[in-house]
């Protein structure tokens, strides 16, 4: 279940999409940052730990993204 989401974009077609989900009693956060510069792109999924810090579960390498 999605519990929170945000989308921010600018005039240069860059955006950041963040979604927070509850899955089997865990809080997961998925973040995607898209930029025309390949080195600025990122996609990551994290889990909220009992210490209220985010731990990375998965990262999608920038090289696998479509160039356009």
PDB file of N, CA and C in Angstrom:
ATOM      1  N   UNK A   1       0.848  -1.182   0.000  1.00  0.00           N
ATOM      2  CA  UNK A   1       0.000   0.000   0.000  1.00  0.00           C
ATOM      3  C   UNK A   1       0.894   1.246   0.000  1.00  0.00           C
ATOM      4  N   UNK A   2       0.625   2.158  -0.899  1.00  0.00           N
ATOM      5  CA  UNK A   2       1.358   3.427  -0.935  1.00  0.00           C
ATOM      6  C   UNK A   2       0.855   4.314   0.190  1.00  0.00           C
ATOM      7  N   UNK A   3       1.783   4.824   1.005  1.00  0.00           N
ATOM      8  CA  UNK A   3       1.387   5.697   2.113  1.00  0.00           C
ATOM      9  C   UNK A   3       1.821   7.140   1.901  1.00  0.00           C
ATOM     10  N   UNK A   4       2.755   7.352   0.975  1.00  0.00           N
ATOM     11  CA  UNK A   4       3.191   8.713   0.686  1.00  0.00           C
ATOM     12  C   UNK A   4       3.883   8.713  -0.669  1.00  0.00           C
ATOM     13  N   UNK A   5       3.794   9.829  -1.370  1.00  0.00           N
ATOM     14  CA  UNK A   5       4.504   9.973  -2.634  1.00  0.00           C
ATOM     15  C   UNK A   5       4.747  11.443  -2.909  1.00  0.00           C
ATOM     16  N   UNK A   6       5.803  11.706  -3.643  1.00  0.00           N
ATOM     17  CA  UNK A   6       6.088  13.077  -4.048  1.00  0.00           C
ATOM     18  C   UNK A   6       6.742  13.053  -5.418  1.00  0.00           C
ATOM     19  N   UNK A   7       6.545  14.129  -6.154  1.00  0.00           N
ATOM     20  CA  UNK A   7       7.119  14.279  -7.485  1.00  0.00           C
ATOM     21  C   UNK A   7       7.543  15.724  -7.642  1.00  0.00           C
ATOM     22  N   UNK A   8       8.816  15.925  -7.922  1.00  0.00           N
ATOM     23  CA  UNK A   8       9.348  17.262  -8.136  1.00  0.00           C
ATOM     24  C   UNK A   8      10.037  17.297  -9.490  1.00  0.00           C
ATOM     25  N   UNK A   9       9.779  18.351 -10.249  1.00  0.00           N
ATOM     26  CA  UNK A   9      10.405  18.507 -11.563  1.00  0.00           C
ATOM     27  C   UNK A   9      10.811  19.959 -11.754  1.00  0.00           C
ATOM     28  N   UNK A  10      11.725  20.174 -12.680  1.00  0.00           N
ATOM     29  CA  UNK A  10      12.126  21.543 -12.987  1.00  0.00           C
ATOM     30  C   UNK A  10      12.031  21.794 -14.492  1.00  0.00           C
ATOM     31  N   UNK A  11      12.416  22.986 -14.910  1.00  0.00           N
ATOM     32  CA  UNK A  11      12.274  23.395 -16.297  1.00  0.00           C
ATOM     33  C   UNK A  11      13.259  22.681 -17.229  1.00  0.00           C
ATOM     34  N   UNK A  12      14.219  21.968 -16.680  1.00  0.00           N
ATOM     35  CA  UNK A  12      15.207  21.261 -17.495  1.00  0.00           C
ATOM     36  C   UNK A  12      14.870  19.784 -17.664  1.00  0.00           C
ATOM     37  N   UNK A  13      13.637  19.420 -17.385  1.00  0.00           N
ATOM     38  CA  UNK A  13      13.153  18.042 -17.534  1.00  0.00           C
ATOM     39  C   UNK A  13      13.806  17.066 -16.560  1.00  0.00           C
ATOM     40  N   UNK A  14      14.288  17.573 -15.452  1.00  0.00           N
ATOM     41  CA  UNK A  14      14.804  16.700 -14.397  1.00  0.00           C
ATOM     42  C   UNK A  14      13.671  16.445 -13.413  1.00  0.00           C
ATOM     43  N   UNK A  15      13.660  15.251 -12.830  1.00  0.00           N
ATOM     44  CA  UNK A  15      12.634  14.991 -11.827  1.00  0.00           C
ATOM     45  C   UNK A  15      13.135  14.032 -10.760  1.00  0.00           C
ATOM     46  N   UNK A  16      12.466  14.085  -9.618  1.00  0.00           N
ATOM     47  CA  UNK A  16      12.691  13.148  -8.520  1.00  0.00           C
ATOM     48  C   UNK A  16      11.323  12.616  -8.106  1.00  0.00           C
ATOM     49  N   UNK A  17      11.187  11.299  -8.138  1.00  0.00           N
ATOM     50  CA  UNK A  17       9.956  10.628  -7.739  1.00  0.00           C
ATOM     51  C   UNK A  17      10.263   9.789  -6.508  1.00  0.00           C
ATOM     52  N   UNK A  18       9.497   9.981  -5.443  1.00  0.00           N
ATOM     53  CA  UNK A  18       9.668   9.218  -4.204  1.00  0.00           C
ATOM     54  C   UNK A  18       8.327   8.623  -3.820  1.00  0.00           C
ATOM     55  N   UNK A  19       8.338   7.319  -3.483  1.00  0.00           N
ATOM     56  CA  UNK A  19       7.124   6.645  -3.024  1.00  0.00           C
ATOM     57  C   UNK A  19       7.468   5.830  -1.785  1.00  0.00           C
ATOM     58  N   UNK A  20       6.586   5.891  -0.793  1.00  0.00           N
ATOM     59  CA  UNK A  20       6.767   5.127   0.436  1.00  0.00           C
ATOM     60  C   UNK A  20       5.631   4.119   0.526  1.00  0.00           C
ATOM     61  N   UNK A  21       5.985   2.868   0.801  1.00  0.00           N
ATOM     62  CA  UNK A  21       5.020   1.774   0.836  1.00  0.00           C
ATOM     63  C   UNK A  21       5.094   1.041   2.169  1.00  0.00           C
ATOM     64  N   UNK A  22       3.984   0.466   2.590  1.00  0.00           N
ATOM     65  CA  UNK A  22       3.967  -0.515   3.672  1.00  0.00           C
ATOM     66  C   UNK A  22       3.845  -1.887   3.025  1.00  0.00           C
ATOM     67  N   UNK A  23       4.808  -2.781   3.308  1.00  0.00           N
ATOM     68  CA  UNK A  23       4.810  -4.132   2.742  1.00  0.00           C
ATOM     69  C   UNK A  23       5.158  -5.111   3.867  1.00  0.00           C
ATOM     70  N   UNK A  24       4.227  -5.981   4.196  1.00  0.00           N
ATOM     71  CA  UNK A  24       4.463  -7.011   5.222  1.00  0.00           C
ATOM     72  C   UNK A  24       5.051  -6.443   6.506  1.00  0.00           C
ATOM     73  N   UNK A  25       4.510  -5.340   6.972  1.00  0.00           N
ATOM     74  CA  UNK A  25       4.958  -4.742   8.228  1.00  0.00           C
ATOM     75  C   UNK A  25       6.214  -3.901   8.126  1.00  0.00           C
ATOM     76  N   UNK A  26       6.775  -3.782   6.940  1.00  0.00           N
ATOM     77  CA  UNK A  26       7.973  -2.975   6.722  1.00  0.00           C
ATOM     78  C   UNK A  26       7.606  -1.697   5.978  1.00  0.00           C
ATOM     79  N   UNK A  27       8.422  -0.667   6.163  1.00  0.00           N
ATOM     80  CA  UNK A  27       8.258   0.582   5.421  1.00  0.00           C
ATOM     81  C   UNK A  27       9.365   0.626   4.371  1.00  0.00           C
ATOM     82  N   UNK A  28       8.956   0.684   3.100  1.00  0.00           N
ATOM     83  CA  UNK A  28       9.901   0.745   1.989  1.00  0.00           C
ATOM     84  C   UNK A  28       9.792   2.097   1.296  1.00  0.00           C
ATOM     85  N   UNK A  29      10.938   2.593   0.860  1.00  0.00           N
ATOM     86  CA  UNK A  29      10.971   3.858   0.116  1.00  0.00           C
ATOM     87  C   UNK A  29      11.661   3.601  -1.214  1.00  0.00           C
ATOM     88  N   UNK A  30      10.998   3.980  -2.288  1.00  0.00           N
ATOM     89  CA  UNK A  30      11.567   3.877  -3.637  1.00  0.00           C
ATOM     90  C   UNK A  30      11.793   5.286  -4.164  1.00  0.00           C
ATOM     91  N   UNK A  31      13.023   5.555  -4.572  1.00  0.00           N
ATOM     92  CA  UNK A  31      13.362   6.884  -5.082  1.00  0.00           C
ATOM     93  C   UNK A  31      13.977   6.756  -6.469  1.00  0.00           C
ATOM     94  N   UNK A  32      13.501   7.590  -7.376  1.00  0.00           N
ATOM     95  CA  UNK A  32      14.032   7.646  -8.734  1.00  0.00           C
ATOM     96  C   UNK A  32      14.380   9.090  -9.048  1.00  0.00           C
ATOM     97  N   UNK A  33      15.603   9.300  -9.501  1.00  0.00           N
ATOM     98  CA  UNK A  33      16.024  10.632  -9.927  1.00  0.00           C
ATOM     99  C   UNK A  33      16.437  10.535 -11.381  1.00  0.00           C
ATOM    100  N   UNK A  34      15.807  11.315 -12.221  1.00  0.00           N
ATOM    101  CA  UNK A  34      16.078  11.307 -13.662  1.00  0.00           C
ATOM    102  C   UNK A  34      16.624  12.669 -14.058  1.00  0.00           C
ATOM    103  N   UNK A  35      17.704  12.652 -14.830  1.00  0.00           N
ATOM    104  CA  UNK A  35      18.367  13.874 -15.256  1.00  0.00           C
ATOM    105  C   UNK A  35      18.895  13.638 -16.665  1.00  0.00           C
ATOM    106  N   UNK A  36      19.073  14.691 -17.436  1.00  0.00           N
ATOM    107  CA  UNK A  36      19.636  14.522 -18.777  1.00  0.00           C
ATOM    108  C   UNK A  36      21.100  14.068 -18.701  1.00  0.00           C
ATOM    109  N   UNK A  37      21.769  14.355 -17.610  1.00  0.00           N
ATOM    110  CA  UNK A  37      23.143  13.888 -17.401  1.00  0.00           C
ATOM    111  C   UNK A  37      23.103  12.498 -16.763  1.00  0.00           C
ATOM    112  N   UNK A  38      23.672  11.515 -17.431  1.00  0.00           N
ATOM    113  CA  UNK A  38      23.589  10.128 -16.975  1.00  0.00           C
ATOM    114  C   UNK A  38      24.123   9.969 -15.558  1.00  0.00           C
ATOM    115  N   UNK A  39      25.209  10.643 -15.229  1.00  0.00           N
ATOM    116  CA  UNK A  39      25.811  10.480 -13.902  1.00  0.00           C
ATOM    117  C   UNK A  39      24.923  11.011 -12.775  1.00  0.00           C
ATOM    118  N   UNK A  40      23.893  11.777 -13.096  1.00  0.00           N
ATOM    119  CA  UNK A  40      22.970  12.315 -12.089  1.00  0.00           C
ATOM    120  C   UNK A  40      21.753  11.423 -11.867  1.00  0.00           C
ATOM    121  N   UNK A  41      21.624  10.338 -12.621  1.00  0.00           N
ATOM    122  CA  UNK A  41      20.460   9.463 -12.512  1.00  0.00           C
ATOM    123  C   UNK A  41      20.668   8.455 -11.380  1.00  0.00           C
ATOM    124  N   UNK A  42      19.558   8.093 -10.732  1.00  0.00           N
ATOM    125  CA  UNK A  42      19.644   7.103  -9.660  1.00  0.00           C
ATOM    126  C   UNK A  42      18.280   6.481  -9.418  1.00  0.00           C
ATOM    127  N   UNK A  43      18.302   5.217  -9.005  1.00  0.00           N
ATOM    128  CA  UNK A  43      17.084   4.529  -8.583  1.00  0.00           C
ATOM    129  C   UNK A  43      17.469   3.615  -7.429  1.00  0.00           C
ATOM    130  N   UNK A  44      16.748   3.729  -6.325  1.00  0.00           N
ATOM    131  CA  UNK A  44      17.103   2.972  -5.131  1.00  0.00           C
ATOM    132  C   UNK A  44      15.842   2.610  -4.346  1.00  0.00           C
ATOM    133  N   UNK A  45      15.873   1.443  -3.725  1.00  0.00           N
ATOM    134  CA  UNK A  45      14.809   1.012  -2.808  1.00  0.00           C
ATOM    135  C   UNK A  45      15.453   0.805  -1.446  1.00  0.00           C
ATOM    136  N   UNK A  46      14.820   1.353  -0.416  1.00  0.00           N
ATOM    137  CA  UNK A  46      15.362   1.283   0.944  1.00  0.00           C
ATOM    138  C   UNK A  46      14.286   0.807   1.909  1.00  0.00           C
ATOM    139  N   UNK A  47      14.720   0.259   3.046  1.00  0.00           N
ATOM    140  CA  UNK A  47      13.815  -0.165   4.106  1.00  0.00           C
ATOM    141  C   UNK A  47      14.135   0.654   5.347  1.00  0.00           C
ATOM    142  N   UNK A  48      13.089   1.025   6.078  1.00  0.00           N
ATOM    143  CA  UNK A  48      13.259   1.770   7.324  1.00  0.00           C
ATOM    144  C   UNK A  48      13.562   0.779   8.444  1.00  0.00           C
ATOM    145  N   UNK A  49      14.693   0.968   9.115  1.00  0.00           N
ATOM    146  CA  UNK A  49      15.108   0.060  10.184  1.00  0.00           C
ATOM    147  C   UNK A  49      14.454   0.460  11.509  1.00  0.00           C
ATOM    148  N   UNK A  50      14.515  -0.410  12.531  1.00  0.00           N
ATOM    149  CA  UNK A  50      13.985  -0.055  13.847  1.00  0.00           C
ATOM    150  C   UNK A  50      14.666   1.180  14.463  1.00  0.00           C
ATOM    151  N   UNK A  51      15.902   1.492  14.008  1.00  0.00           N
ATOM    152  CA  UNK A  51      16.616   2.686  14.483  1.00  0.00           C
ATOM    153  C   UNK A  51      16.225   3.939  13.716  1.00  0.00           C
ATOM    154  N   UNK A  52      15.217   3.805  12.848  1.00  0.00           N
ATOM    155  CA  UNK A  52      14.706   4.910  12.026  1.00  0.00           C
ATOM    156  C   UNK A  52      15.757   5.468  11.072  1.00  0.00           C
ATOM    157  N   UNK A  53      16.542   4.559  10.501  1.00  0.00           N
ATOM    158  CA  UNK A  53      17.462   4.913   9.436  1.00  0.00           C
ATOM    159  C   UNK A  53      17.089   4.086   8.209  1.00  0.00           C
ATOM    160  N   UNK A  54      17.479   4.555   7.034  1.00  0.00           N
ATOM    161  CA  UNK A  54      17.169   3.850   5.791  1.00  0.00           C
ATOM    162  C   UNK A  54      18.339   2.969   5.393  1.00  0.00           C
ATOM    163  N   UNK A  55      18.050   1.708   5.073  1.00  0.00           N
ATOM    164  CA  UNK A  55      19.049   0.757   4.595  1.00  0.00           C
ATOM    165  C   UNK A  55      18.712   0.390   3.157  1.00  0.00           C
ATOM    166  N   UNK A  56      19.704   0.456   2.285  1.00  0.00           N
ATOM    167  CA  UNK A  56      19.500   0.160   0.868  1.00  0.00           C
ATOM    168  C   UNK A  56      19.251  -1.326   0.642  1.00  0.00           C
ATOM    169  N   UNK A  57      18.197  -1.627  -0.095  1.00  0.00           N
ATOM    170  CA  UNK A  57      17.883  -3.000  -0.483  1.00  0.00           C
ATOM    171  C   UNK A  57      18.304  -3.281  -1.914  1.00  0.00           C
ATOM    172  N   UNK A  58      18.114  -2.303  -2.799  1.00  0.00           N
ATOM    173  CA  UNK A  58      18.434  -2.508  -4.217  1.00  0.00           C
ATOM    174  C   UNK A  58      18.748  -1.167  -4.867  1.00  0.00           C
ATOM    175  N   UNK A  59      19.649  -1.235  -5.842  1.00  0.00           N
ATOM    176  CA  UNK A  59      20.002  -0.066  -6.647  1.00  0.00           C
ATOM    177  C   UNK A  59      19.962  -0.498  -8.108  1.00  0.00           C
ATOM    178  N   UNK A  60      19.325   0.288  -8.935  1.00  0.00           N
ATOM    179  CA  UNK A  60      19.294   0.015 -10.375  1.00  0.00           C
ATOM    180  C   UNK A  60      20.431   0.795 -11.028  1.00  0.00           C
ATOM    181  N   UNK A  61      21.379   0.115 -11.653  1.00  0.00           N
ATOM    182  CA  UNK A  61      22.500   0.821 -12.281  1.00  0.00           C
ATOM    183  C   UNK A  61      22.030   1.764 -13.393  1.00  0.00           C
ATOM    184  N   UNK A  62      22.649   2.926 -13.455  1.00  0.00           N
ATOM    185  CA  UNK A  62      22.296   3.924 -14.470  1.00  0.00           C
ATOM    186  C   UNK A  62      22.483   3.389 -15.875  1.00  0.00           C
ATOM    187  N   UNK A  63      23.437   2.521 -16.064  1.00  0.00           N
ATOM    188  CA  UNK A  63      23.742   2.007 -17.409  1.00  0.00           C
ATOM    189  C   UNK A  63      22.590   1.197 -18.000  1.00  0.00           C
ATOM    190  N   UNK A  64      21.678   0.710 -17.166  1.00  0.00           N
ATOM    191  CA  UNK A  64      20.559  -0.091 -17.680  1.00  0.00           C
ATOM    192  C   UNK A  64      19.363   0.764 -18.084  1.00  0.00           C
ATOM    193  N   UNK A  65      19.432   2.044 -17.838  1.00  0.00           N
ATOM    194  CA  UNK A  65      18.325   2.932 -18.179  1.00  0.00           C
ATOM    195  C   UNK A  65      18.348   3.246 -19.665  1.00  0.00           C
ATOM    196  N   UNK A  66      17.180   3.560 -20.195  1.00  0.00           N
ATOM    197  CA  UNK A  66      17.098   3.982 -21.586  1.00  0.00           C
ATOM    198  C   UNK A  66      17.734   5.362 -21.738  1.00  0.00           C
ATOM    199  N   UNK A  67      18.458   5.619 -22.813  1.00  0.00           N
ATOM    200  CA  UNK A  67      19.134   6.909 -22.967  1.00  0.00           C
ATOM    201  C   UNK A  67      18.174   8.087 -23.153  1.00  0.00           C
ATOM    202  N   UNK A  68      16.977   7.837 -23.622  1.00  0.00           N
ATOM    203  CA  UNK A  68      16.034   8.937 -23.822  1.00  0.00           C
ATOM    204  C   UNK A  68      14.872   8.788 -22.897  1.00  0.00           C
TER     205      UNK A  68
END
